[in-house]
């Protein structure tokens, strides 16, 4: 799939059931197709952000914006929430002065304990109930026009 100029690339730890569950949920909220998920197990992930080491990448999610900026952790969530209509209220909350400071600390606590939290909340089992949404774009050619349409 060709990368759209507005598409955000999200690098996430696919060895973590909590992270995988959250990314699956995100694909269902992203009906406009603004995100492209890249699991860290993919060789392409390191190539997309060569300046980040494997430890940095596993510590928190990273969003690679089309303008070249890299958003991490709670700031990545805020950045993505602004681009996904269903999450705009969350983005507005994260822009309230002081909230991102708190969100960053909460994110770090959750991130450090995500494997334990995955077991407590049963994320592996939940992933079986929430299938990944097909994010591929297919071209449908009509007699009227050639327009991309989501699968």
N, C-alpha and C. Protein backbone atom coordinates (compact mmCIF):
# COMPACT_ATOMS: atom_id res chain seq x y z
N UNK A 1 0.83 -1.16 0.00
CA UNK A 1 0.00 0.00 0.00
C UNK A 1 0.88 1.23 0.00
N UNK A 2 0.64 2.14 -0.88
CA UNK A 2 1.41 3.38 -0.93
C UNK A 2 1.05 4.24 0.25
N UNK A 3 2.04 4.87 0.84
CA UNK A 3 1.81 5.70 2.00
C UNK A 3 1.22 7.03 1.59
N UNK A 4 0.08 7.34 2.19
CA UNK A 4 -0.58 8.62 1.96
C UNK A 4 0.22 9.71 2.65
N UNK A 5 0.14 10.93 2.14
CA UNK A 5 0.90 12.03 2.73
C UNK A 5 0.43 12.32 4.15
N UNK A 6 -0.78 11.94 4.51
CA UNK A 6 -1.29 12.20 5.85
C UNK A 6 -1.22 10.98 6.76
N UNK A 7 -0.67 9.87 6.28
CA UNK A 7 -0.66 8.65 7.05
C UNK A 7 0.40 8.68 8.15
N UNK A 8 0.00 8.23 9.32
CA UNK A 8 0.88 8.17 10.48
C UNK A 8 1.34 6.71 10.65
N UNK A 9 2.63 6.49 10.80
CA UNK A 9 3.13 5.13 11.01
C UNK A 9 3.30 4.92 12.51
N UNK A 10 2.69 3.85 13.01
CA UNK A 10 2.76 3.54 14.44
C UNK A 10 3.59 2.28 14.62
N UNK A 11 4.68 2.40 15.38
CA UNK A 11 5.53 1.27 15.71
C UNK A 11 5.13 0.80 17.11
N UNK A 12 4.81 -0.49 17.23
CA UNK A 12 4.35 -1.01 18.52
C UNK A 12 4.96 -2.38 18.78
N UNK A 13 4.99 -2.75 20.07
CA UNK A 13 5.55 -4.02 20.52
C UNK A 13 4.52 -5.14 20.35
N UNK A 14 4.65 -5.90 19.28
CA UNK A 14 3.70 -6.98 19.02
C UNK A 14 3.96 -8.22 19.86
N UNK A 15 5.00 -8.21 20.70
CA UNK A 15 5.21 -9.33 21.63
C UNK A 15 4.42 -9.10 22.92
N UNK A 16 3.78 -7.94 23.03
CA UNK A 16 2.98 -7.59 24.21
C UNK A 16 1.49 -7.70 23.88
N UNK A 17 0.77 -8.60 24.56
CA UNK A 17 -0.66 -8.74 24.28
C UNK A 17 -1.46 -7.47 24.52
N UNK A 18 -1.11 -6.67 25.52
CA UNK A 18 -1.81 -5.42 25.79
C UNK A 18 -1.64 -4.45 24.62
N UNK A 19 -0.41 -4.33 24.13
CA UNK A 19 -0.12 -3.44 23.00
C UNK A 19 -0.85 -3.91 21.74
N UNK A 20 -0.82 -5.21 21.51
CA UNK A 20 -1.48 -5.77 20.33
C UNK A 20 -2.98 -5.54 20.39
N UNK A 21 -3.58 -5.75 21.55
CA UNK A 21 -5.01 -5.52 21.71
C UNK A 21 -5.35 -4.05 21.43
N UNK A 22 -4.56 -3.13 21.97
CA UNK A 22 -4.81 -1.70 21.76
C UNK A 22 -4.68 -1.33 20.29
N UNK A 23 -3.72 -1.90 19.60
CA UNK A 23 -3.55 -1.57 18.18
C UNK A 23 -4.71 -2.14 17.36
N UNK A 24 -5.19 -3.33 17.73
CA UNK A 24 -6.36 -3.89 17.03
C UNK A 24 -7.57 -2.99 17.23
N UNK A 25 -7.77 -2.52 18.45
CA UNK A 25 -8.89 -1.61 18.72
C UNK A 25 -8.72 -0.32 17.92
N UNK A 26 -7.51 0.17 17.83
CA UNK A 26 -7.24 1.40 17.08
C UNK A 26 -7.59 1.24 15.60
N UNK A 27 -7.34 0.07 15.04
CA UNK A 27 -7.68 -0.12 13.62
C UNK A 27 -9.17 0.00 13.38
N UNK A 28 -9.98 -0.40 14.36
CA UNK A 28 -11.44 -0.31 14.20
C UNK A 28 -11.92 1.13 14.35
N UNK A 29 -11.19 1.95 15.07
CA UNK A 29 -11.56 3.37 15.23
C UNK A 29 -11.06 4.21 14.06
N UNK A 30 -10.09 3.71 13.34
CA UNK A 30 -9.45 4.47 12.25
C UNK A 30 -10.16 4.21 10.92
N UNK A 31 -11.40 4.64 10.82
CA UNK A 31 -12.15 4.40 9.57
C UNK A 31 -11.69 5.29 8.44
N UNK A 32 -10.91 6.33 8.72
CA UNK A 32 -10.38 7.20 7.66
C UNK A 32 -9.04 6.70 7.11
N UNK A 33 -8.47 5.71 7.74
CA UNK A 33 -7.22 5.13 7.25
C UNK A 33 -6.00 6.03 7.41
N UNK A 34 -5.89 6.74 8.55
CA UNK A 34 -4.76 7.65 8.73
C UNK A 34 -3.57 6.99 9.40
N UNK A 35 -3.74 5.75 9.90
CA UNK A 35 -2.61 5.10 10.55
C UNK A 35 -2.17 3.87 9.77
N UNK A 36 -0.90 3.57 9.92
CA UNK A 36 -0.32 2.36 9.37
C UNK A 36 0.46 1.71 10.51
N UNK A 37 0.02 0.54 10.94
CA UNK A 37 0.65 -0.15 12.06
C UNK A 37 1.83 -0.99 11.59
N UNK A 38 2.93 -0.87 12.31
CA UNK A 38 4.12 -1.66 12.01
C UNK A 38 4.60 -2.32 13.29
N UNK A 39 4.48 -3.65 13.39
CA UNK A 39 4.96 -4.34 14.59
C UNK A 39 6.49 -4.33 14.65
N UNK A 40 7.02 -4.30 15.86
CA UNK A 40 8.47 -4.25 16.02
C UNK A 40 9.16 -5.52 15.53
N UNK A 41 8.42 -6.62 15.43
CA UNK A 41 9.02 -7.86 14.93
C UNK A 41 9.31 -7.78 13.43
N UNK A 42 8.72 -6.81 12.77
CA UNK A 42 8.95 -6.64 11.34
C UNK A 42 10.32 -5.99 11.10
N UNK A 43 11.11 -6.55 10.18
CA UNK A 43 12.42 -5.95 9.88
C UNK A 43 12.29 -4.50 9.39
N UNK A 44 11.18 -4.16 8.80
CA UNK A 44 11.00 -2.80 8.28
C UNK A 44 10.89 -1.78 9.40
N UNK A 45 10.47 -2.18 10.60
CA UNK A 45 10.30 -1.24 11.70
C UNK A 45 11.59 -0.52 12.06
N UNK A 46 12.68 -1.27 12.21
CA UNK A 46 13.96 -0.64 12.56
C UNK A 46 14.43 0.27 11.43
N UNK A 47 14.16 -0.11 10.21
CA UNK A 47 14.57 0.72 9.07
C UNK A 47 13.78 2.03 9.02
N UNK A 48 12.55 2.03 9.51
CA UNK A 48 11.73 3.24 9.51
C UNK A 48 12.24 4.29 10.50
N UNK A 49 12.86 3.81 11.59
CA UNK A 49 13.38 4.73 12.61
C UNK A 49 14.77 4.26 13.05
N UNK A 50 15.76 4.37 12.17
CA UNK A 50 17.09 3.84 12.50
C UNK A 50 17.75 4.55 13.67
N UNK A 51 17.31 5.77 13.99
CA UNK A 51 17.90 6.52 15.10
C UNK A 51 17.44 6.01 16.47
N UNK A 52 16.44 5.13 16.48
CA UNK A 52 15.93 4.58 17.73
C UNK A 52 16.42 3.15 17.91
N UNK A 53 16.93 2.88 19.08
CA UNK A 53 17.41 1.53 19.38
C UNK A 53 16.26 0.61 19.73
N UNK A 54 16.50 -0.71 19.71
CA UNK A 54 15.44 -1.67 20.04
C UNK A 54 14.83 -1.45 21.43
N UNK A 55 15.66 -1.08 22.40
CA UNK A 55 15.15 -0.82 23.75
C UNK A 55 14.20 0.37 23.79
N UNK A 56 14.56 1.42 23.08
CA UNK A 56 13.69 2.60 23.00
C UNK A 56 12.37 2.25 22.34
N UNK A 57 12.43 1.48 21.26
CA UNK A 57 11.22 1.12 20.54
C UNK A 57 10.29 0.26 21.39
N UNK A 58 10.86 -0.64 22.20
CA UNK A 58 10.03 -1.52 23.03
C UNK A 58 9.47 -0.80 24.25
N UNK A 59 10.07 0.30 24.66
CA UNK A 59 9.65 1.01 25.87
C UNK A 59 8.30 1.70 25.73
N UNK A 60 7.96 2.15 24.53
CA UNK A 60 6.70 2.86 24.32
C UNK A 60 6.37 2.88 22.84
N UNK A 61 5.08 3.17 22.52
CA UNK A 61 4.73 3.26 21.10
C UNK A 61 5.36 4.51 20.52
N UNK A 62 5.59 4.46 19.23
CA UNK A 62 6.16 5.59 18.50
C UNK A 62 5.29 5.86 17.28
N UNK A 63 5.03 7.11 17.05
CA UNK A 63 4.28 7.51 15.87
C UNK A 63 5.19 8.36 15.00
N UNK A 64 5.42 7.89 13.79
CA UNK A 64 6.24 8.62 12.83
C UNK A 64 5.30 9.46 11.97
N UNK A 65 5.35 10.75 12.17
CA UNK A 65 4.48 11.67 11.44
C UNK A 65 5.05 11.92 10.04
N UNK A 66 4.18 12.26 9.10
CA UNK A 66 4.65 12.53 7.73
C UNK A 66 5.68 13.66 7.65
N UNK A 67 5.66 14.58 8.62
CA UNK A 67 6.63 15.69 8.60
C UNK A 67 7.99 15.29 9.18
N UNK A 68 8.14 14.02 9.58
CA UNK A 68 9.42 13.53 10.08
C UNK A 68 9.53 13.52 11.60
N UNK A 69 8.61 14.16 12.29
CA UNK A 69 8.67 14.15 13.76
C UNK A 69 8.28 12.78 14.30
N UNK A 70 8.85 12.44 15.45
CA UNK A 70 8.55 11.18 16.12
C UNK A 70 7.88 11.52 17.45
N UNK A 71 6.67 11.00 17.64
CA UNK A 71 5.93 11.20 18.88
C UNK A 71 5.99 9.89 19.65
N UNK A 72 6.21 9.99 20.97
CA UNK A 72 6.39 8.79 21.79
C UNK A 72 5.39 8.73 22.93
N UNK A 73 5.01 7.52 23.29
CA UNK A 73 4.18 7.31 24.47
C UNK A 73 2.88 8.09 24.46
N UNK A 74 2.63 8.81 25.57
CA UNK A 74 1.39 9.58 25.72
C UNK A 74 1.27 10.66 24.65
N UNK A 75 2.40 11.21 24.23
CA UNK A 75 2.37 12.24 23.18
C UNK A 75 1.99 11.62 21.82
N UNK A 76 2.35 10.37 21.62
CA UNK A 76 1.93 9.67 20.39
C UNK A 76 0.42 9.44 20.42
N UNK A 77 -0.10 9.09 21.59
CA UNK A 77 -1.53 8.90 21.72
C UNK A 77 -2.26 10.21 21.44
N UNK A 78 -1.76 11.30 22.00
CA UNK A 78 -2.37 12.61 21.76
C UNK A 78 -2.33 12.97 20.28
N UNK A 79 -1.20 12.75 19.65
CA UNK A 79 -1.02 13.05 18.23
C UNK A 79 -2.00 12.24 17.38
N UNK A 80 -2.12 10.95 17.65
CA UNK A 80 -3.03 10.09 16.88
C UNK A 80 -4.49 10.43 17.16
N UNK A 81 -4.80 10.74 18.41
CA UNK A 81 -6.18 11.04 18.78
C UNK A 81 -6.72 12.26 18.03
N UNK A 82 -5.85 13.20 17.71
CA UNK A 82 -6.27 14.38 16.94
C UNK A 82 -6.67 14.02 15.52
N UNK A 83 -6.21 12.88 15.03
CA UNK A 83 -6.43 12.50 13.63
C UNK A 83 -7.51 11.43 13.45
N UNK A 84 -8.02 10.92 14.57
CA UNK A 84 -9.06 9.89 14.53
C UNK A 84 -10.31 10.49 15.19
N UNK A 85 -11.34 10.77 14.40
CA UNK A 85 -12.51 11.49 14.93
C UNK A 85 -13.08 10.94 16.24
N UNK A 86 -13.15 9.64 16.40
CA UNK A 86 -13.72 9.05 17.62
C UNK A 86 -12.86 9.36 18.85
N UNK A 87 -11.59 9.71 18.65
CA UNK A 87 -10.68 9.95 19.77
C UNK A 87 -10.39 11.43 20.01
N UNK A 88 -11.00 12.32 19.24
CA UNK A 88 -10.75 13.75 19.41
C UNK A 88 -11.03 14.23 20.84
N UNK A 89 -12.10 13.76 21.52
CA UNK A 89 -12.28 14.21 22.91
C UNK A 89 -11.08 13.87 23.81
N UNK A 90 -10.47 12.72 23.59
CA UNK A 90 -9.27 12.35 24.34
C UNK A 90 -8.14 13.31 24.02
N UNK A 91 -7.97 13.66 22.75
CA UNK A 91 -6.92 14.59 22.35
C UNK A 91 -7.11 15.94 23.01
N UNK A 92 -8.34 16.41 23.04
CA UNK A 92 -8.64 17.71 23.67
C UNK A 92 -8.26 17.65 25.14
N UNK A 93 -8.64 16.57 25.82
CA UNK A 93 -8.28 16.40 27.23
C UNK A 93 -6.76 16.42 27.41
N UNK A 94 -6.03 15.74 26.53
CA UNK A 94 -4.57 15.68 26.65
C UNK A 94 -3.89 17.01 26.33
N UNK A 95 -4.61 17.96 25.75
CA UNK A 95 -4.06 19.30 25.50
C UNK A 95 -4.33 20.26 26.65
N UNK A 96 -5.15 19.86 27.63
CA UNK A 96 -5.38 20.71 28.80
C UNK A 96 -4.05 20.83 29.54
N UNK A 97 -3.66 22.05 29.91
CA UNK A 97 -2.37 22.24 30.60
C UNK A 97 -2.21 21.31 31.80
N UNK A 98 -1.08 20.63 31.85
CA UNK A 98 -0.74 19.73 32.94
C UNK A 98 -1.17 18.29 32.73
N UNK A 99 -2.14 18.06 31.88
CA UNK A 99 -2.66 16.69 31.70
C UNK A 99 -1.63 15.80 31.01
N UNK A 100 -0.91 16.33 30.03
CA UNK A 100 0.09 15.49 29.34
C UNK A 100 1.21 15.09 30.30
N UNK A 101 1.53 15.95 31.25
CA UNK A 101 2.55 15.63 32.26
C UNK A 101 2.10 14.39 33.05
N UNK A 102 0.84 14.41 33.50
CA UNK A 102 0.28 13.28 34.24
C UNK A 102 0.19 12.05 33.33
N UNK A 103 -0.31 12.24 32.12
CA UNK A 103 -0.48 11.12 31.18
C UNK A 103 0.86 10.46 30.87
N UNK A 104 1.92 11.24 30.76
CA UNK A 104 3.25 10.69 30.49
C UNK A 104 3.70 9.78 31.62
N UNK A 105 3.46 10.19 32.84
CA UNK A 105 3.85 9.38 34.00
C UNK A 105 2.99 8.12 34.11
N UNK A 106 1.69 8.25 33.87
CA UNK A 106 0.81 7.07 33.91
C UNK A 106 1.20 6.11 32.78
N UNK A 107 1.48 6.66 31.59
CA UNK A 107 1.89 5.82 30.46
C UNK A 107 3.16 5.04 30.82
N UNK A 108 4.14 5.71 31.43
CA UNK A 108 5.40 5.04 31.79
C UNK A 108 5.15 3.92 32.79
N UNK A 109 4.26 4.13 33.76
CA UNK A 109 3.93 3.11 34.75
C UNK A 109 3.26 1.91 34.08
N UNK A 110 2.30 2.16 33.21
CA UNK A 110 1.63 1.09 32.49
C UNK A 110 2.61 0.35 31.58
N UNK A 111 3.45 1.11 30.90
CA UNK A 111 4.41 0.52 29.98
C UNK A 111 5.38 -0.43 30.70
N UNK A 112 5.87 0.00 31.85
CA UNK A 112 6.79 -0.84 32.62
C UNK A 112 6.14 -2.14 33.09
N UNK A 113 4.83 -2.11 33.29
CA UNK A 113 4.11 -3.26 33.84
C UNK A 113 3.14 -3.89 32.84
N UNK A 114 3.33 -3.63 31.55
CA UNK A 114 2.34 -4.04 30.55
C UNK A 114 2.19 -5.55 30.41
N UNK A 115 3.25 -6.30 30.59
CA UNK A 115 3.13 -7.76 30.47
C UNK A 115 2.33 -8.34 31.63
N UNK A 116 2.54 -7.81 32.82
CA UNK A 116 1.76 -8.22 33.99
C UNK A 116 0.29 -7.79 33.81
N UNK A 117 0.07 -6.57 33.37
CA UNK A 117 -1.29 -6.07 33.13
C UNK A 117 -2.00 -6.89 32.05
N UNK A 118 -1.25 -7.33 31.06
CA UNK A 118 -1.83 -8.17 30.00
C UNK A 118 -2.41 -9.45 30.57
N UNK A 119 -1.68 -10.04 31.51
CA UNK A 119 -2.17 -11.28 32.14
C UNK A 119 -3.39 -10.99 33.02
N UNK A 120 -3.34 -9.90 33.79
CA UNK A 120 -4.45 -9.56 34.68
C UNK A 120 -5.74 -9.30 33.90
N UNK A 121 -5.62 -8.56 32.79
CA UNK A 121 -6.81 -8.19 32.03
C UNK A 121 -7.17 -9.18 30.94
N UNK A 122 -6.38 -10.22 30.77
CA UNK A 122 -6.70 -11.26 29.79
C UNK A 122 -6.63 -10.78 28.35
N UNK A 123 -5.61 -9.98 28.04
CA UNK A 123 -5.52 -9.40 26.69
C UNK A 123 -5.33 -10.44 25.60
N UNK A 124 -4.63 -11.52 25.91
CA UNK A 124 -4.44 -12.55 24.88
C UNK A 124 -5.77 -13.15 24.47
N UNK A 125 -6.63 -13.42 25.46
CA UNK A 125 -7.94 -13.97 25.15
C UNK A 125 -8.81 -12.93 24.43
N UNK A 126 -8.67 -11.67 24.84
CA UNK A 126 -9.46 -10.59 24.22
C UNK A 126 -9.10 -10.43 22.75
N UNK A 127 -7.84 -10.65 22.41
CA UNK A 127 -7.42 -10.53 21.01
C UNK A 127 -8.13 -11.55 20.14
N UNK A 128 -8.48 -12.68 20.72
CA UNK A 128 -9.21 -13.69 19.95
C UNK A 128 -10.61 -13.21 19.59
N UNK A 129 -11.17 -12.33 20.42
CA UNK A 129 -12.52 -11.81 20.17
C UNK A 129 -12.52 -10.54 19.32
N UNK A 130 -11.39 -9.85 19.29
CA UNK A 130 -11.29 -8.61 18.52
C UNK A 130 -10.31 -8.84 17.37
N UNK A 131 -10.81 -9.28 16.24
CA UNK A 131 -9.91 -9.55 15.12
C UNK A 131 -9.31 -8.27 14.57
N UNK A 132 -8.14 -8.37 14.00
CA UNK A 132 -7.51 -7.22 13.37
C UNK A 132 -8.32 -6.84 12.14
N UNK A 133 -8.47 -5.56 11.93
CA UNK A 133 -9.20 -5.08 10.76
C UNK A 133 -8.24 -5.01 9.59
N UNK A 134 -8.69 -5.45 8.44
CA UNK A 134 -7.87 -5.39 7.23
C UNK A 134 -7.67 -3.94 6.85
N UNK A 135 -6.42 -3.47 6.88
CA UNK A 135 -6.12 -2.08 6.59
C UNK A 135 -5.63 -1.86 5.17
N UNK A 136 -5.69 -2.90 4.37
CA UNK A 136 -5.24 -2.77 2.99
C UNK A 136 -6.24 -1.98 2.17
N UNK A 137 -5.75 -1.28 1.19
CA UNK A 137 -6.61 -0.52 0.29
C UNK A 137 -6.60 -1.24 -1.05
N UNK A 138 -7.78 -1.43 -1.59
CA UNK A 138 -7.85 -2.06 -2.90
C UNK A 138 -8.47 -1.06 -3.87
N UNK A 139 -8.08 -1.16 -5.09
CA UNK A 139 -8.62 -0.27 -6.12
C UNK A 139 -9.79 -0.96 -6.80
N UNK A 140 -10.89 -0.27 -6.82
CA UNK A 140 -12.06 -0.75 -7.54
C UNK A 140 -12.26 0.19 -8.73
N UNK A 141 -12.28 -0.38 -9.90
CA UNK A 141 -12.41 0.43 -11.09
C UNK A 141 -13.86 0.37 -11.56
N UNK A 142 -14.50 1.52 -11.60
CA UNK A 142 -15.87 1.63 -12.10
C UNK A 142 -15.84 2.22 -13.50
N UNK A 143 -16.97 2.22 -14.12
CA UNK A 143 -17.09 2.90 -15.41
C UNK A 143 -17.02 4.40 -15.20
N UNK A 144 -17.44 4.87 -14.01
CA UNK A 144 -17.46 6.31 -13.74
C UNK A 144 -16.09 6.86 -13.38
N UNK A 145 -15.42 6.22 -12.41
CA UNK A 145 -14.16 6.78 -11.93
C UNK A 145 -13.30 5.69 -11.31
N UNK A 146 -12.05 6.01 -11.10
CA UNK A 146 -11.11 5.11 -10.45
C UNK A 146 -10.86 5.69 -9.08
N UNK A 147 -11.42 5.08 -8.03
CA UNK A 147 -11.27 5.60 -6.69
C UNK A 147 -10.83 4.49 -5.74
N UNK A 148 -9.92 4.82 -4.81
CA UNK A 148 -9.53 3.82 -3.82
C UNK A 148 -10.68 3.60 -2.85
N UNK A 149 -10.86 2.34 -2.44
CA UNK A 149 -11.89 2.02 -1.48
C UNK A 149 -11.34 1.03 -0.47
N UNK A 150 -11.72 1.18 0.76
CA UNK A 150 -11.26 0.29 1.82
C UNK A 150 -11.85 -1.10 1.64
N UNK A 151 -11.05 -2.09 1.98
CA UNK A 151 -11.51 -3.47 1.89
C UNK A 151 -12.40 -3.77 3.07
